[in-house]
Every structure is written in structure tokens, then in C-alpha cells.
């Protein structure tokens, strides 16, 4: 990861404001993020954030609120649309499922999810999201024909 991209993922400082019920975070790229207290829900084992005891943890990768710890990536994913978009693009580029391969190939061919006659866009979206592990024979043939490849080659993209 490039140093600039790493800096935007890290936190340098944290402060809370009981009046506005918010947490202010300073990122490594010096951008400020302000999030409401209610973003920090109690953990599965019942640990609640203590907004009176705050610190940056794990070398800038987390925020510590008493005994409660929140991952910096999770905070950024929830609050920063650009970060979320970049992370999703990285995930889609490296994922190796059938659906991810189908999506990469479809985008490479400049096709939309509506460009597969006999298959609804909703079905294509479900396949790409991994809700369908591998489509049935007829669906697979339609996908391959529209993409201009052999059905067995889709997973190699």
C-alpha cells in the first residue's frame, strides 16, 4: 500500500465532546472525521464505550474507548463514502469467486447487468454478489455467449 493511502487509514488523535455527543478523529492525512457517539454500539459481549477514556490504539488502526475498541477501518467504512468505494473496488479486483470474475469480465466487455437476454439484471447481480455459487447450465451458456467466451473460462477473469 502506498504511504499516502496508509496515512488516510490511520488515526493520529481522538477527542470526545459530551455536549455534542460526538467523537472527533484526526486521520494520518490530517483530515478530520467527526462521528456521533451512537456509531459505537455495545460489543457482542456487552462492553460499552466509555467516552471519558479515549485513546488511539494499535498504532493508529483503532480507537479505544475505555475497555471498548473500534477498528479504524470499520469507522472509515461507515463514515467515508470515498474510503468505502475504494475498499470495495480493491476487494472486487482481488476476489476470486465466480461472481467476482463474472463482474470483472462484464465490466471489461462494457456490458450492463441488463445485457444478458433471458436473464434478469437482478439474477446477474445476485450471481455477482455471490448469492449464487455457480449458475445452472442454461444461465451459464447465456452469460458466456453474451460475454464472448467459453463458459469454463469465466472464472479465469
N, C-alpha and C. Protein backbone atom coordinates (compact mmCIF):
# COMPACT_ATOMS: atom_id res chain seq x y z
N UNK A 1 0.85 -1.18 0.00
CA UNK A 1 0.00 0.00 0.00
C UNK A 1 0.89 1.24 0.00
N UNK A 2 0.53 2.22 -0.80
CA UNK A 2 1.31 3.45 -0.88
C UNK A 2 1.23 4.22 0.43
N UNK A 3 2.29 4.93 0.80
CA UNK A 3 2.29 5.66 2.07
C UNK A 3 1.11 6.62 2.23
N UNK A 4 0.70 7.31 1.17
CA UNK A 4 -0.44 8.23 1.27
C UNK A 4 -1.72 7.48 1.61
N UNK A 5 -1.93 6.33 0.95
CA UNK A 5 -3.13 5.53 1.23
C UNK A 5 -3.10 5.00 2.65
N UNK A 6 -1.93 4.63 3.14
CA UNK A 6 -1.82 4.13 4.51
C UNK A 6 -2.14 5.24 5.51
N UNK A 7 -1.67 6.44 5.25
CA UNK A 7 -1.91 7.56 6.17
C UNK A 7 -3.40 7.86 6.31
N UNK A 8 -4.14 7.77 5.22
CA UNK A 8 -5.57 8.09 5.32
C UNK A 8 -6.34 7.04 6.11
N UNK A 9 -5.76 5.86 6.31
CA UNK A 9 -6.40 4.78 7.06
C UNK A 9 -6.08 4.82 8.54
N UNK A 10 -5.11 5.62 8.94
CA UNK A 10 -4.66 5.66 10.33
C UNK A 10 -5.22 6.87 11.06
N UNK A 11 -5.31 6.75 12.38
CA UNK A 11 -5.73 7.87 13.21
C UNK A 11 -4.56 8.34 14.06
N UNK A 12 -4.42 9.66 14.17
CA UNK A 12 -3.35 10.25 14.97
C UNK A 12 -3.85 10.71 16.33
N UNK A 13 -5.11 11.18 16.39
CA UNK A 13 -5.63 11.73 17.64
C UNK A 13 -7.13 11.51 17.71
N UNK A 14 -7.64 11.51 18.95
CA UNK A 14 -9.06 11.34 19.18
C UNK A 14 -9.47 12.21 20.37
N UNK A 15 -10.65 12.78 20.27
CA UNK A 15 -11.21 13.56 21.38
C UNK A 15 -12.73 13.39 21.34
N UNK A 16 -13.34 13.49 22.51
CA UNK A 16 -14.80 13.39 22.57
C UNK A 16 -15.39 14.68 23.10
N UNK A 17 -16.64 14.90 22.74
CA UNK A 17 -17.36 16.09 23.21
C UNK A 17 -18.71 15.61 23.74
N UNK A 18 -18.87 15.66 25.05
CA UNK A 18 -20.11 15.19 25.68
C UNK A 18 -21.30 16.07 25.31
N UNK A 19 -21.07 17.34 25.05
CA UNK A 19 -22.18 18.25 24.71
C UNK A 19 -22.78 17.89 23.36
N UNK A 20 -21.92 17.70 22.36
CA UNK A 20 -22.43 17.37 21.02
C UNK A 20 -22.57 15.86 20.82
N UNK A 21 -22.16 15.08 21.85
CA UNK A 21 -22.23 13.62 21.77
C UNK A 21 -21.52 13.11 20.52
N UNK A 22 -20.27 13.58 20.34
CA UNK A 22 -19.52 13.19 19.15
C UNK A 22 -18.06 12.88 19.48
N UNK A 23 -17.46 12.15 18.57
CA UNK A 23 -16.05 11.80 18.66
C UNK A 23 -15.35 12.46 17.47
N UNK A 24 -14.31 13.21 17.74
CA UNK A 24 -13.52 13.84 16.67
C UNK A 24 -12.23 13.05 16.49
N UNK A 25 -11.94 12.70 15.27
CA UNK A 25 -10.76 11.91 14.95
C UNK A 25 -9.91 12.66 13.93
N UNK A 26 -8.60 12.63 14.11
CA UNK A 26 -7.69 13.21 13.14
C UNK A 26 -6.97 12.05 12.45
N UNK A 27 -7.12 12.00 11.13
CA UNK A 27 -6.51 10.94 10.35
C UNK A 27 -5.05 11.28 10.06
N UNK A 28 -4.31 10.28 9.63
CA UNK A 28 -2.90 10.45 9.30
C UNK A 28 -2.65 11.41 8.16
N UNK A 29 -3.66 11.62 7.31
CA UNK A 29 -3.53 12.60 6.23
C UNK A 29 -4.03 13.98 6.68
N UNK A 30 -4.25 14.12 8.00
CA UNK A 30 -4.66 15.35 8.69
C UNK A 30 -6.11 15.76 8.42
N UNK A 31 -6.89 14.89 7.83
CA UNK A 31 -8.31 15.17 7.65
C UNK A 31 -9.03 14.82 8.94
N UNK A 32 -10.08 15.58 9.23
CA UNK A 32 -10.86 15.38 10.45
C UNK A 32 -12.12 14.58 10.13
N UNK A 33 -12.45 13.67 11.02
CA UNK A 33 -13.67 12.89 10.93
C UNK A 33 -14.40 13.07 12.25
N UNK A 34 -15.67 13.45 12.18
CA UNK A 34 -16.49 13.60 13.38
C UNK A 34 -17.64 12.62 13.27
N UNK A 35 -17.78 11.77 14.29
CA UNK A 35 -18.83 10.76 14.28
C UNK A 35 -19.63 10.84 15.59
N UNK A 36 -20.91 10.51 15.51
CA UNK A 36 -21.74 10.54 16.72
C UNK A 36 -21.42 9.37 17.65
N UNK A 37 -21.68 9.57 18.93
CA UNK A 37 -21.48 8.51 19.92
C UNK A 37 -22.21 7.22 19.52
N UNK A 38 -23.41 7.37 18.95
CA UNK A 38 -24.21 6.17 18.69
C UNK A 38 -23.65 5.29 17.57
N UNK A 39 -22.58 5.73 16.89
CA UNK A 39 -21.91 4.85 15.93
C UNK A 39 -21.25 3.68 16.66
N UNK A 40 -20.88 3.89 17.91
CA UNK A 40 -20.16 2.89 18.70
C UNK A 40 -21.15 2.10 19.55
N UNK A 41 -21.74 1.08 18.96
CA UNK A 41 -22.72 0.26 19.66
C UNK A 41 -22.01 -0.72 20.59
N UNK A 42 -22.66 -1.15 21.67
CA UNK A 42 -22.04 -2.13 22.57
C UNK A 42 -21.61 -3.38 21.80
N UNK A 43 -20.49 -3.96 22.22
CA UNK A 43 -19.98 -5.14 21.54
C UNK A 43 -20.86 -6.35 21.85
N UNK A 44 -20.60 -7.45 21.15
CA UNK A 44 -21.38 -8.67 21.35
C UNK A 44 -21.32 -9.20 22.76
N UNK A 45 -20.22 -8.93 23.47
CA UNK A 45 -20.12 -9.40 24.85
C UNK A 45 -20.54 -8.34 25.87
N UNK A 46 -21.23 -7.30 25.40
CA UNK A 46 -21.81 -6.30 26.29
C UNK A 46 -20.90 -5.14 26.69
N UNK A 47 -19.68 -5.08 26.17
CA UNK A 47 -18.80 -3.96 26.53
C UNK A 47 -19.29 -2.70 25.85
N UNK A 48 -19.44 -1.67 26.67
CA UNK A 48 -19.93 -0.38 26.16
C UNK A 48 -18.77 0.61 26.08
N UNK A 49 -18.83 1.51 25.10
CA UNK A 49 -17.77 2.51 25.01
C UNK A 49 -17.81 3.47 26.19
N UNK A 50 -16.64 3.85 26.68
CA UNK A 50 -16.51 4.84 27.75
C UNK A 50 -15.91 6.08 27.11
N UNK A 51 -16.75 7.06 26.81
CA UNK A 51 -16.33 8.25 26.09
C UNK A 51 -15.49 9.20 26.94
N UNK A 52 -15.33 8.88 28.21
CA UNK A 52 -14.46 9.67 29.07
C UNK A 52 -13.01 9.19 29.06
N UNK A 53 -12.80 8.00 28.52
CA UNK A 53 -11.44 7.43 28.44
C UNK A 53 -11.15 7.06 26.99
N UNK A 54 -10.49 7.96 26.27
CA UNK A 54 -10.26 7.74 24.85
C UNK A 54 -8.78 7.72 24.52
N UNK A 55 -8.43 6.94 23.51
CA UNK A 55 -7.04 6.87 23.05
C UNK A 55 -7.03 6.28 21.65
N UNK A 56 -5.92 6.51 20.97
CA UNK A 56 -5.68 5.85 19.69
C UNK A 56 -4.93 4.57 20.02
N UNK A 57 -5.36 3.47 19.44
CA UNK A 57 -4.73 2.18 19.71
C UNK A 57 -4.17 1.52 18.47
N UNK A 58 -3.46 0.44 18.68
CA UNK A 58 -2.93 -0.40 17.60
C UNK A 58 -2.23 0.43 16.51
N UNK A 59 -1.34 1.31 16.97
CA UNK A 59 -0.54 2.13 16.06
C UNK A 59 -1.40 2.93 15.07
N UNK A 60 -2.53 3.41 15.54
CA UNK A 60 -3.40 4.24 14.71
C UNK A 60 -4.49 3.49 13.98
N UNK A 61 -4.54 2.17 14.15
CA UNK A 61 -5.54 1.37 13.44
C UNK A 61 -6.84 1.20 14.20
N UNK A 62 -6.91 1.69 15.44
CA UNK A 62 -8.15 1.55 16.20
C UNK A 62 -8.33 2.73 17.15
N UNK A 63 -9.54 2.86 17.64
CA UNK A 63 -9.89 3.87 18.64
C UNK A 63 -10.32 3.12 19.89
N UNK A 64 -9.74 3.49 21.02
CA UNK A 64 -10.03 2.85 22.30
C UNK A 64 -10.90 3.78 23.13
N UNK A 65 -12.02 3.25 23.59
CA UNK A 65 -12.96 4.00 24.42
C UNK A 65 -13.17 3.20 25.70
N UNK A 66 -12.25 3.36 26.64
CA UNK A 66 -12.26 2.55 27.86
C UNK A 66 -11.86 1.13 27.52
N UNK A 67 -12.72 0.15 27.86
CA UNK A 67 -12.45 -1.25 27.53
C UNK A 67 -12.94 -1.62 26.13
N UNK A 68 -13.54 -0.69 25.47
CA UNK A 68 -14.13 -0.89 24.14
C UNK A 68 -13.11 -0.46 23.09
N UNK A 69 -12.99 -1.23 22.01
CA UNK A 69 -12.08 -0.86 20.93
C UNK A 69 -12.81 -0.97 19.60
N UNK A 70 -12.67 0.07 18.77
CA UNK A 70 -13.30 0.09 17.46
C UNK A 70 -12.22 0.13 16.39
N UNK A 71 -12.32 -0.74 15.39
CA UNK A 71 -11.36 -0.76 14.29
C UNK A 71 -11.50 0.49 13.45
N UNK A 72 -10.37 1.09 13.13
CA UNK A 72 -10.36 2.29 12.30
C UNK A 72 -10.99 2.05 10.94
N UNK A 73 -10.71 0.88 10.34
CA UNK A 73 -11.30 0.57 9.04
C UNK A 73 -12.83 0.54 9.11
N UNK A 74 -13.37 0.02 10.20
CA UNK A 74 -14.83 -0.03 10.35
C UNK A 74 -15.41 1.37 10.48
N UNK A 75 -14.74 2.23 11.23
CA UNK A 75 -15.21 3.61 11.37
C UNK A 75 -15.20 4.31 10.02
N UNK A 76 -14.10 4.17 9.30
CA UNK A 76 -14.00 4.82 8.00
C UNK A 76 -14.99 4.24 7.00
N UNK A 77 -15.21 2.94 7.04
CA UNK A 77 -16.16 2.31 6.13
C UNK A 77 -17.56 2.88 6.34
N UNK A 78 -17.92 3.12 7.59
CA UNK A 78 -19.24 3.65 7.92
C UNK A 78 -19.40 5.13 7.63
N UNK A 79 -18.30 5.88 7.68
CA UNK A 79 -18.42 7.35 7.65
C UNK A 79 -17.85 8.02 6.41
N UNK A 80 -17.04 7.34 5.62
CA UNK A 80 -16.36 7.97 4.49
C UNK A 80 -16.71 7.25 3.20
N UNK A 81 -17.57 7.85 2.39
CA UNK A 81 -18.03 7.21 1.15
C UNK A 81 -16.87 6.94 0.19
N UNK A 82 -15.89 7.84 0.11
CA UNK A 82 -14.75 7.62 -0.78
C UNK A 82 -13.92 6.43 -0.32
N UNK A 83 -13.70 6.32 0.98
CA UNK A 83 -12.96 5.19 1.54
C UNK A 83 -13.70 3.88 1.24
N UNK A 84 -15.02 3.88 1.47
CA UNK A 84 -15.84 2.70 1.23
C UNK A 84 -15.76 2.28 -0.24
N UNK A 85 -15.85 3.25 -1.14
CA UNK A 85 -15.80 2.96 -2.58
C UNK A 85 -14.45 2.37 -2.95
N UNK A 86 -13.37 2.96 -2.45
CA UNK A 86 -12.02 2.48 -2.76
C UNK A 86 -11.81 1.06 -2.22
N UNK A 87 -12.27 0.81 -1.01
CA UNK A 87 -12.13 -0.52 -0.41
C UNK A 87 -12.92 -1.55 -1.20
N UNK A 88 -14.14 -1.22 -1.60
CA UNK A 88 -14.96 -2.15 -2.38
C UNK A 88 -14.33 -2.43 -3.74
N UNK A 89 -13.73 -1.41 -4.36
CA UNK A 89 -13.06 -1.62 -5.65
C UNK A 89 -11.87 -2.55 -5.48
N UNK A 90 -11.09 -2.36 -4.41
CA UNK A 90 -9.95 -3.24 -4.15
C UNK A 90 -10.41 -4.67 -3.91
N UNK A 91 -11.47 -4.81 -3.15
CA UNK A 91 -12.00 -6.14 -2.84
C UNK A 91 -12.47 -6.83 -4.11
N UNK A 92 -13.19 -6.11 -4.95
CA UNK A 92 -13.71 -6.70 -6.19
C UNK A 92 -12.59 -7.06 -7.15
N UNK A 93 -11.51 -6.29 -7.15
CA UNK A 93 -10.39 -6.55 -8.05
C UNK A 93 -9.61 -7.80 -7.65
N UNK A 94 -9.62 -8.13 -6.37
CA UNK A 94 -8.81 -9.26 -5.90
C UNK A 94 -9.62 -10.51 -5.57
N UNK A 95 -10.91 -10.38 -5.44
CA UNK A 95 -11.74 -11.53 -5.09
C UNK A 95 -11.73 -12.55 -6.23
N UNK A 96 -11.73 -13.82 -5.89
CA UNK A 96 -11.60 -14.88 -6.89
C UNK A 96 -12.84 -15.77 -7.02
N UNK A 97 -13.99 -15.32 -6.59
CA UNK A 97 -15.20 -16.13 -6.72
C UNK A 97 -15.71 -16.07 -8.17
N UNK A 98 -16.63 -16.95 -8.49
CA UNK A 98 -17.24 -16.92 -9.82
C UNK A 98 -17.91 -15.58 -10.07
N UNK A 99 -18.67 -15.10 -9.08
CA UNK A 99 -19.39 -13.84 -9.24
C UNK A 99 -18.45 -12.66 -9.48
N UNK A 100 -17.34 -12.63 -8.75
CA UNK A 100 -16.38 -11.54 -8.93
C UNK A 100 -15.75 -11.61 -10.32
N UNK A 101 -15.44 -12.81 -10.77
CA UNK A 101 -14.87 -12.98 -12.11
C UNK A 101 -15.88 -12.55 -13.17
N UNK A 102 -17.13 -12.91 -12.98
CA UNK A 102 -18.19 -12.51 -13.91
C UNK A 102 -18.28 -10.99 -13.97
N UNK A 103 -18.26 -10.35 -12.82
CA UNK A 103 -18.35 -8.88 -12.78
C UNK A 103 -17.18 -8.22 -13.49
N UNK A 104 -15.95 -8.70 -13.23
CA UNK A 104 -14.77 -8.13 -13.89
C UNK A 104 -14.87 -8.28 -15.40
N UNK A 105 -15.28 -9.45 -15.85
CA UNK A 105 -15.40 -9.70 -17.29
C UNK A 105 -16.51 -8.85 -17.90
N UNK A 106 -17.64 -8.76 -17.21
CA UNK A 106 -18.76 -7.95 -17.72
C UNK A 106 -18.33 -6.49 -17.88
N UNK A 107 -17.64 -5.95 -16.88
CA UNK A 107 -17.19 -4.56 -16.95
C UNK A 107 -16.12 -4.39 -18.03
N UNK A 108 -15.27 -5.38 -18.19
CA UNK A 108 -14.24 -5.32 -19.23
C UNK A 108 -14.89 -5.27 -20.61
N UNK A 109 -15.99 -5.98 -20.77
CA UNK A 109 -16.71 -6.01 -22.05
C UNK A 109 -17.69 -4.83 -22.19
N UNK A 110 -17.74 -3.99 -21.19
CA UNK A 110 -18.62 -2.81 -21.17
C UNK A 110 -20.11 -3.19 -21.30
N UNK A 111 -20.47 -4.24 -20.59
CA UNK A 111 -21.86 -4.69 -20.57
C UNK A 111 -22.50 -4.29 -19.25
N UNK A 112 -23.81 -4.10 -19.28
CA UNK A 112 -24.54 -3.85 -18.04
C UNK A 112 -25.17 -5.16 -17.59
N UNK A 113 -25.74 -5.16 -16.42
CA UNK A 113 -26.41 -6.36 -15.92
C UNK A 113 -27.67 -6.67 -16.73
N UNK A 114 -28.15 -5.71 -17.51
CA UNK A 114 -29.33 -5.91 -18.36
C UNK A 114 -28.98 -6.50 -19.72
N UNK A 115 -27.72 -6.68 -20.03
CA UNK A 115 -27.29 -7.09 -21.37
C UNK A 115 -27.21 -8.60 -21.58
N UNK A 116 -27.96 -9.36 -20.78
CA UNK A 116 -27.94 -10.82 -20.91
C UNK A 116 -29.36 -11.29 -21.19
N UNK A 117 -29.73 -11.46 -22.48
CA UNK A 117 -31.10 -11.83 -22.83
C UNK A 117 -31.51 -13.15 -22.19
N UNK A 118 -32.64 -13.12 -21.52
CA UNK A 118 -33.15 -14.31 -20.86
C UNK A 118 -32.75 -14.41 -19.39
N UNK A 119 -31.92 -13.47 -18.94
CA UNK A 119 -31.53 -13.42 -17.52
C UNK A 119 -31.84 -12.02 -17.01
N UNK A 120 -32.51 -11.94 -15.90
CA UNK A 120 -32.83 -10.62 -15.36
C UNK A 120 -31.58 -9.98 -14.76
N UNK A 121 -31.58 -8.66 -14.74
CA UNK A 121 -30.46 -7.92 -14.12
C UNK A 121 -30.34 -8.30 -12.65
N UNK A 122 -31.46 -8.57 -12.00
CA UNK A 122 -31.46 -8.97 -10.59
C UNK A 122 -30.71 -10.29 -10.41
N UNK A 123 -30.90 -11.22 -11.32
CA UNK A 123 -30.21 -12.50 -11.24
C UNK A 123 -28.71 -12.32 -11.45
N UNK A 124 -28.33 -11.50 -12.42
CA UNK A 124 -26.90 -11.24 -12.67
C UNK A 124 -26.29 -10.61 -11.42
N UNK A 125 -26.99 -9.67 -10.81
CA UNK A 125 -26.49 -9.01 -9.60
C UNK A 125 -26.31 -10.03 -8.48
N UNK A 126 -27.26 -10.94 -8.32
CA UNK A 126 -27.16 -11.97 -7.27
C UNK A 126 -25.95 -12.87 -7.51
N UNK A 127 -25.71 -13.21 -8.76
CA UNK A 127 -24.54 -14.05 -9.08
C UNK A 127 -23.27 -13.29 -8.75
N UNK A 128 -23.20 -12.03 -9.15
CA UNK A 128 -22.00 -11.22 -8.91
C UNK A 128 -21.75 -11.00 -7.42
N UNK A 129 -22.80 -10.91 -6.62
CA UNK A 129 -22.63 -10.72 -5.18
C UNK A 129 -22.30 -12.03 -4.45
N UNK A 130 -22.33 -13.13 -5.18
CA UNK A 130 -22.00 -14.41 -4.56
C UNK A 130 -23.18 -15.10 -3.91
N UNK A 131 -24.39 -14.61 -4.16
CA UNK A 131 -25.58 -15.24 -3.58
C UNK A 131 -25.91 -16.53 -4.32
N UNK A 132 -25.37 -16.68 -5.53
CA UNK A 132 -25.50 -17.90 -6.31
C UNK A 132 -24.07 -18.37 -6.55
N UNK A 133 -23.71 -19.53 -6.02
CA UNK A 133 -22.33 -20.01 -6.11
C UNK A 133 -21.90 -20.16 -7.57
N UNK A 134 -22.69 -20.86 -8.34
CA UNK A 134 -22.42 -21.02 -9.77
C UNK A 134 -23.76 -21.25 -10.45
N UNK A 135 -24.03 -20.51 -11.52
CA UNK A 135 -25.34 -20.63 -12.17
C UNK A 135 -25.54 -21.98 -12.87
N UNK A 136 -26.81 -22.29 -13.11
CA UNK A 136 -27.17 -23.52 -13.83
C UNK A 136 -26.69 -23.43 -15.28
N UNK A 137 -26.69 -24.56 -15.95
CA UNK A 137 -26.17 -24.68 -17.32
C UNK A 137 -26.72 -23.66 -18.30
N UNK A 138 -28.05 -23.50 -18.36
CA UNK A 138 -28.65 -22.58 -19.33
C UNK A 138 -28.20 -21.15 -19.05
N UNK A 139 -28.22 -20.76 -17.78
CA UNK A 139 -27.80 -19.41 -17.40
C UNK A 139 -26.33 -19.20 -17.73
N UNK A 140 -25.52 -20.18 -17.46
CA UNK A 140 -24.10 -20.11 -17.74
C UNK A 140 -23.85 -19.94 -19.24
N UNK A 141 -24.60 -20.67 -20.07
CA UNK A 141 -24.44 -20.54 -21.52
C UNK A 141 -24.81 -19.15 -22.01
N UNK A 142 -25.88 -18.57 -21.45
CA UNK A 142 -26.30 -17.22 -21.85
C UNK A 142 -25.23 -16.21 -21.46
N UNK A 143 -24.72 -16.34 -20.25
CA UNK A 143 -23.66 -15.43 -19.80
C UNK A 143 -22.45 -15.51 -20.72
N UNK A 144 -21.99 -16.74 -20.98
CA UNK A 144 -20.79 -16.94 -21.80
C UNK A 144 -20.98 -16.39 -23.21
N UNK A 145 -22.15 -16.64 -23.80
CA UNK A 145 -22.40 -16.16 -25.16
C UNK A 145 -22.38 -14.63 -25.22
N UNK A 146 -23.05 -13.98 -24.29
CA UNK A 146 -23.08 -12.52 -24.28
C UNK A 146 -21.68 -11.92 -24.02
N UNK A 147 -20.87 -12.63 -23.24
CA UNK A 147 -19.53 -12.16 -22.93
C UNK A 147 -18.50 -12.53 -24.00
N UNK A 148 -18.87 -13.44 -24.89
CA UNK A 148 -17.97 -13.84 -25.96
C UNK A 148 -16.84 -14.74 -25.51
N UNK A 149 -17.10 -15.59 -24.52
CA UNK A 149 -16.09 -16.52 -24.02
C UNK A 149 -16.73 -17.89 -23.81
N UNK A 150 -15.88 -18.87 -23.59
CA UNK A 150 -16.38 -20.20 -23.22
C UNK A 150 -16.87 -20.14 -21.78
N UNK A 151 -17.90 -20.88 -21.47
CA UNK A 151 -18.45 -20.88 -20.11
C UNK A 151 -17.39 -21.24 -19.09
N UNK A 152 -16.52 -22.17 -19.43
CA UNK A 152 -15.49 -22.61 -18.49
C UNK A 152 -14.41 -21.57 -18.26
N UNK A 153 -14.35 -20.54 -19.11
CA UNK A 153 -13.32 -19.50 -18.99
C UNK A 153 -13.73 -18.34 -18.11
N UNK A 154 -14.99 -18.20 -17.78
CA UNK A 154 -15.45 -17.04 -16.99
C UNK A 154 -14.69 -16.92 -15.68
N UNK A 155 -14.49 -18.03 -15.01
CA UNK A 155 -13.82 -17.99 -13.70
C UNK A 155 -12.35 -17.59 -13.77
N UNK A 156 -11.77 -17.58 -14.96
CA UNK A 156 -10.36 -17.23 -15.08
C UNK A 156 -10.13 -15.73 -15.17
N UNK A 157 -11.19 -14.94 -15.21
CA UNK A 157 -11.04 -13.47 -15.30
C UNK A 157 -10.96 -12.84 -13.94
